[in-house]
Amino acid sequence: MFDKLFEAKQKAEDVKKRLDGITVSGSAEGGKISVAANGNKVVQSISIDNDFLKSADKEELEELLVVAVNKALQQAENVNQSEMAALSQEMFGGLGGMFGK
């Protein structure tokens, strides 16, 4: 029993490490603002086009940053869910037959 728990914990840690290495992005205003995050939903960087920055007002910049960050985090969530679903299938896939699925 403990072997299975240790194995599950180890596989979850492996997935987390793999997600740390996956980069996703979100952008706004045609790419003038872009945000990169990893698969664990941690923002890694934010880039703002210099020309856009000079012409944008504070409110517009704040709104577009929110849009870009949310897009990046949604992409990260999608990747995260896919990886976790694959892990669950790997670990518990054989149980489906027991329940008629």
N, C-alpha and C. Protein backbone atom coordinates (compact mmCIF):
# COMPACT_ATOMS: atom_id res chain seq x y z
N MET A 1 0.82 -1.20 0.00
CA MET A 1 0.00 0.00 0.00
C MET A 1 0.87 1.26 0.00
N PHE A 2 1.88 1.28 0.90
CA PHE A 2 2.75 2.45 0.98
C PHE A 2 3.58 2.60 -0.28
N ASP A 3 3.91 1.46 -0.91
CA ASP A 3 4.65 1.53 -2.18
C ASP A 3 3.84 2.27 -3.23
N LYS A 4 2.56 2.00 -3.29
CA LYS A 4 1.69 2.66 -4.26
C LYS A 4 1.57 4.16 -3.96
N LEU A 5 1.47 4.51 -2.69
CA LEU A 5 1.40 5.92 -2.31
C LEU A 5 2.69 6.65 -2.66
N PHE A 6 3.83 6.00 -2.38
CA PHE A 6 5.11 6.60 -2.71
C PHE A 6 5.24 6.77 -4.22
N GLU A 7 4.82 5.76 -4.97
CA GLU A 7 4.88 5.82 -6.43
C GLU A 7 4.00 6.96 -6.96
N ALA A 8 2.81 7.10 -6.40
CA ALA A 8 1.90 8.17 -6.83
C ALA A 8 2.51 9.53 -6.52
N LYS A 9 3.10 9.68 -5.34
CA LYS A 9 3.73 10.94 -4.97
C LYS A 9 4.89 11.25 -5.91
N GLN A 10 5.69 10.24 -6.23
CA GLN A 10 6.83 10.44 -7.12
C GLN A 10 6.37 10.84 -8.51
N LYS A 11 5.32 10.21 -9.01
CA LYS A 11 4.80 10.56 -10.34
C LYS A 11 4.24 11.97 -10.36
N ALA A 12 3.57 12.37 -9.28
CA ALA A 12 3.03 13.73 -9.19
C ALA A 12 4.17 14.75 -9.18
N GLU A 13 5.25 14.46 -8.48
CA GLU A 13 6.41 15.35 -8.47
C GLU A 13 7.05 15.43 -9.85
N ASP A 14 7.10 14.31 -10.56
CA ASP A 14 7.64 14.30 -11.93
C ASP A 14 6.80 15.17 -12.86
N VAL A 15 5.48 15.08 -12.71
CA VAL A 15 4.59 15.90 -13.54
C VAL A 15 4.81 17.38 -13.21
N LYS A 16 4.95 17.72 -11.94
CA LYS A 16 5.18 19.11 -11.55
C LYS A 16 6.48 19.63 -12.18
N LYS A 17 7.53 18.82 -12.15
CA LYS A 17 8.80 19.22 -12.76
C LYS A 17 8.63 19.42 -14.26
N ARG A 18 7.89 18.52 -14.88
CA ARG A 18 7.65 18.64 -16.33
C ARG A 18 6.86 19.91 -16.64
N LEU A 19 5.87 20.22 -15.81
CA LEU A 19 5.08 21.43 -16.00
C LEU A 19 5.92 22.69 -15.81
N ASP A 20 6.91 22.63 -14.93
CA ASP A 20 7.81 23.77 -14.75
C ASP A 20 8.56 24.08 -16.05
N GLY A 21 8.81 23.06 -16.86
CA GLY A 21 9.55 23.24 -18.10
C GLY A 21 8.70 23.61 -19.30
N ILE A 22 7.40 23.63 -19.14
CA ILE A 22 6.50 23.98 -20.24
C ILE A 22 6.17 25.47 -20.16
N THR A 23 6.34 26.17 -21.27
CA THR A 23 6.03 27.60 -21.31
C THR A 23 4.82 27.83 -22.20
N VAL A 24 3.88 28.60 -21.68
CA VAL A 24 2.70 29.01 -22.44
C VAL A 24 2.67 30.53 -22.45
N SER A 25 1.85 31.10 -23.32
CA SER A 25 1.82 32.56 -23.37
C SER A 25 0.41 33.07 -23.63
N GLY A 26 0.23 34.32 -23.30
CA GLY A 26 -1.01 35.03 -23.58
C GLY A 26 -0.62 36.42 -24.03
N SER A 27 -1.43 36.99 -24.91
CA SER A 27 -1.10 38.33 -25.38
C SER A 27 -2.36 39.17 -25.52
N ALA A 28 -2.13 40.47 -25.65
CA ALA A 28 -3.22 41.42 -25.84
C ALA A 28 -2.74 42.49 -26.80
N GLU A 29 -3.71 43.18 -27.38
CA GLU A 29 -3.44 44.29 -28.29
C GLU A 29 -2.50 43.85 -29.42
N GLY A 30 -2.86 42.70 -30.01
CA GLY A 30 -2.10 42.20 -31.16
C GLY A 30 -0.67 41.83 -30.85
N GLY A 31 -0.41 41.39 -29.65
CA GLY A 31 0.93 40.97 -29.26
C GLY A 31 1.79 42.09 -28.69
N LYS A 32 1.23 43.26 -28.54
CA LYS A 32 2.01 44.36 -27.98
C LYS A 32 2.29 44.16 -26.49
N ILE A 33 1.45 43.37 -25.86
CA ILE A 33 1.69 42.94 -24.48
C ILE A 33 1.65 41.42 -24.50
N SER A 34 2.70 40.79 -23.98
CA SER A 34 2.69 39.33 -23.92
C SER A 34 3.18 38.87 -22.55
N VAL A 35 2.61 37.77 -22.12
CA VAL A 35 2.91 37.20 -20.82
C VAL A 35 3.27 35.74 -21.02
N ALA A 36 4.35 35.31 -20.40
CA ALA A 36 4.75 33.90 -20.44
C ALA A 36 4.58 33.32 -19.04
N ALA A 37 4.06 32.11 -18.99
CA ALA A 37 3.88 31.40 -17.73
C ALA A 37 4.31 29.96 -17.93
N ASN A 38 4.54 29.25 -16.84
CA ASN A 38 4.85 27.84 -16.98
C ASN A 38 3.59 27.01 -16.76
N GLY A 39 3.71 25.71 -16.95
CA GLY A 39 2.57 24.82 -16.81
C GLY A 39 2.03 24.72 -15.40
N ASN A 40 2.76 25.23 -14.44
CA ASN A 40 2.29 25.25 -13.05
C ASN A 40 1.62 26.57 -12.69
N LYS A 41 1.30 27.36 -13.73
CA LYS A 41 0.54 28.61 -13.58
C LYS A 41 1.32 29.68 -12.81
N VAL A 42 2.62 29.73 -13.07
CA VAL A 42 3.47 30.77 -12.49
C VAL A 42 3.92 31.68 -13.62
N VAL A 43 3.62 32.98 -13.50
CA VAL A 43 4.02 33.95 -14.52
C VAL A 43 5.54 34.06 -14.50
N GLN A 44 6.14 33.91 -15.69
CA GLN A 44 7.60 33.96 -15.82
C GLN A 44 8.09 35.31 -16.31
N SER A 45 7.33 35.92 -17.23
CA SER A 45 7.76 37.21 -17.77
C SER A 45 6.58 37.96 -18.37
N ILE A 46 6.76 39.27 -18.46
CA ILE A 46 5.79 40.16 -19.11
C ILE A 46 6.59 41.06 -20.04
N SER A 47 6.11 41.18 -21.26
CA SER A 47 6.78 42.03 -22.25
C SER A 47 5.78 43.04 -22.80
N ILE A 48 6.21 44.29 -22.86
CA ILE A 48 5.36 45.36 -23.39
C ILE A 48 6.14 46.10 -24.47
N ASP A 49 5.55 46.20 -25.63
CA ASP A 49 6.16 46.92 -26.74
C ASP A 49 6.43 48.38 -26.35
N ASN A 50 7.65 48.85 -26.61
CA ASN A 50 8.05 50.21 -26.20
C ASN A 50 7.16 51.29 -26.82
N ASP A 51 6.85 51.18 -28.11
CA ASP A 51 6.02 52.20 -28.76
C ASP A 51 4.62 52.23 -28.16
N PHE A 52 4.07 51.04 -27.87
CA PHE A 52 2.75 50.97 -27.25
C PHE A 52 2.80 51.58 -25.85
N LEU A 53 3.86 51.29 -25.11
CA LEU A 53 3.99 51.79 -23.75
C LEU A 53 4.01 53.33 -23.73
N LYS A 54 4.66 53.91 -24.70
CA LYS A 54 4.74 55.38 -24.77
C LYS A 54 3.38 56.02 -25.02
N SER A 55 2.53 55.33 -25.79
CA SER A 55 1.25 55.92 -26.17
C SER A 55 0.07 55.49 -25.29
N ALA A 56 0.23 54.44 -24.50
CA ALA A 56 -0.88 53.92 -23.69
C ALA A 56 -1.04 54.71 -22.39
N ASP A 57 -2.29 54.82 -21.97
CA ASP A 57 -2.49 55.43 -20.64
C ASP A 57 -2.52 54.31 -19.60
N LYS A 58 -2.43 54.71 -18.36
CA LYS A 58 -2.32 53.76 -17.24
C LYS A 58 -3.49 52.78 -17.22
N GLU A 59 -4.70 53.27 -17.35
CA GLU A 59 -5.89 52.41 -17.29
C GLU A 59 -5.89 51.39 -18.42
N GLU A 60 -5.58 51.83 -19.63
CA GLU A 60 -5.54 50.92 -20.77
C GLU A 60 -4.48 49.85 -20.56
N LEU A 61 -3.31 50.25 -20.09
CA LEU A 61 -2.23 49.31 -19.84
C LEU A 61 -2.63 48.27 -18.79
N GLU A 62 -3.24 48.73 -17.72
CA GLU A 62 -3.66 47.81 -16.66
C GLU A 62 -4.70 46.81 -17.17
N GLU A 63 -5.66 47.28 -17.93
CA GLU A 63 -6.70 46.39 -18.47
C GLU A 63 -6.10 45.34 -19.41
N LEU A 64 -5.19 45.76 -20.26
CA LEU A 64 -4.59 44.83 -21.22
C LEU A 64 -3.64 43.85 -20.54
N LEU A 65 -2.98 44.29 -19.49
CA LEU A 65 -2.14 43.36 -18.71
C LEU A 65 -2.99 42.25 -18.10
N VAL A 66 -4.14 42.64 -17.58
CA VAL A 66 -5.05 41.65 -17.00
C VAL A 66 -5.47 40.64 -18.08
N VAL A 67 -5.80 41.13 -19.25
CA VAL A 67 -6.22 40.25 -20.35
C VAL A 67 -5.09 39.28 -20.70
N ALA A 68 -3.89 39.79 -20.89
CA ALA A 68 -2.76 38.94 -21.28
C ALA A 68 -2.42 37.93 -20.19
N VAL A 69 -2.40 38.35 -18.94
CA VAL A 69 -2.11 37.43 -17.83
C VAL A 69 -3.17 36.34 -17.76
N ASN A 70 -4.43 36.71 -17.86
CA ASN A 70 -5.49 35.70 -17.80
C ASN A 70 -5.41 34.71 -18.95
N LYS A 71 -5.06 35.17 -20.14
CA LYS A 71 -4.90 34.26 -21.28
C LYS A 71 -3.77 33.28 -21.03
N ALA A 72 -2.64 33.78 -20.52
CA ALA A 72 -1.51 32.89 -20.24
C ALA A 72 -1.87 31.88 -19.16
N LEU A 73 -2.53 32.34 -18.12
CA LEU A 73 -2.90 31.42 -17.03
C LEU A 73 -3.94 30.40 -17.49
N GLN A 74 -4.82 30.76 -18.41
CA GLN A 74 -5.79 29.81 -18.95
C GLN A 74 -5.06 28.74 -19.77
N GLN A 75 -4.09 29.15 -20.56
CA GLN A 75 -3.29 28.18 -21.32
C GLN A 75 -2.55 27.24 -20.35
N ALA A 76 -1.99 27.81 -19.29
CA ALA A 76 -1.29 27.00 -18.30
C ALA A 76 -2.25 26.02 -17.63
N GLU A 77 -3.44 26.47 -17.33
CA GLU A 77 -4.45 25.59 -16.72
C GLU A 77 -4.80 24.44 -17.66
N ASN A 78 -4.93 24.73 -18.95
CA ASN A 78 -5.24 23.68 -19.93
C ASN A 78 -4.13 22.63 -19.97
N VAL A 79 -2.88 23.08 -20.00
CA VAL A 79 -1.74 22.16 -20.02
C VAL A 79 -1.71 21.36 -18.73
N ASN A 80 -1.91 22.04 -17.61
CA ASN A 80 -1.89 21.40 -16.31
C ASN A 80 -2.95 20.30 -16.22
N GLN A 81 -4.16 20.61 -16.65
CA GLN A 81 -5.24 19.62 -16.61
C GLN A 81 -4.93 18.42 -17.51
N SER A 82 -4.36 18.68 -18.68
CA SER A 82 -4.01 17.58 -19.59
C SER A 82 -2.98 16.66 -18.96
N GLU A 83 -1.97 17.25 -18.35
CA GLU A 83 -0.92 16.44 -17.70
C GLU A 83 -1.49 15.65 -16.53
N MET A 84 -2.33 16.27 -15.73
CA MET A 84 -2.91 15.58 -14.58
C MET A 84 -3.88 14.47 -15.04
N ALA A 85 -4.61 14.72 -16.11
CA ALA A 85 -5.50 13.69 -16.64
C ALA A 85 -4.70 12.50 -17.13
N ALA A 86 -3.58 12.77 -17.79
CA ALA A 86 -2.73 11.68 -18.27
C ALA A 86 -2.16 10.90 -17.09
N LEU A 87 -1.77 11.60 -16.03
CA LEU A 87 -1.26 10.93 -14.84
C LEU A 87 -2.35 10.07 -14.21
N SER A 88 -3.55 10.61 -14.09
CA SER A 88 -4.66 9.85 -13.51
C SER A 88 -4.98 8.62 -14.35
N GLN A 89 -4.97 8.78 -15.66
CA GLN A 89 -5.24 7.65 -16.54
C GLN A 89 -4.17 6.58 -16.37
N GLU A 90 -2.93 7.02 -16.26
CA GLU A 90 -1.82 6.08 -16.09
C GLU A 90 -1.94 5.33 -14.77
N MET A 91 -2.31 6.06 -13.72
CA MET A 91 -2.36 5.45 -12.40
C MET A 91 -3.63 4.65 -12.15
N PHE A 92 -4.76 5.14 -12.67
CA PHE A 92 -6.03 4.53 -12.34
C PHE A 92 -6.78 3.96 -13.54
N GLY A 93 -6.16 4.00 -14.70
CA GLY A 93 -6.83 3.57 -15.93
C GLY A 93 -7.35 2.15 -15.86
N GLY A 94 -6.63 1.28 -15.21
CA GLY A 94 -7.06 -0.11 -15.12
C GLY A 94 -8.27 -0.32 -14.24
N LEU A 95 -8.61 0.66 -13.43
CA LEU A 95 -9.76 0.49 -12.52
C LEU A 95 -11.10 0.65 -13.23
N GLY A 96 -11.09 1.32 -14.40
CA GLY A 96 -12.35 1.57 -15.10
C GLY A 96 -13.11 0.29 -15.42
N GLY A 97 -12.39 -0.76 -15.76
CA GLY A 97 -13.04 -2.04 -16.07
C GLY A 97 -13.76 -2.64 -14.89
N MET A 98 -13.30 -2.28 -13.71
CA MET A 98 -13.95 -2.82 -12.51
C MET A 98 -15.33 -2.24 -12.31
N PHE A 99 -15.59 -1.09 -12.87
CA PHE A 99 -16.85 -0.41 -12.66
C PHE A 99 -17.71 -0.38 -13.91
N GLY A 100 -17.36 -1.20 -14.89
CA GLY A 100 -18.19 -1.29 -16.08
C GLY A 100 -18.01 -0.15 -17.06
N LYS A 101 -16.92 0.59 -16.96
CA LYS A 101 -16.68 1.71 -17.88
C LYS A 101 -15.70 1.32 -18.94
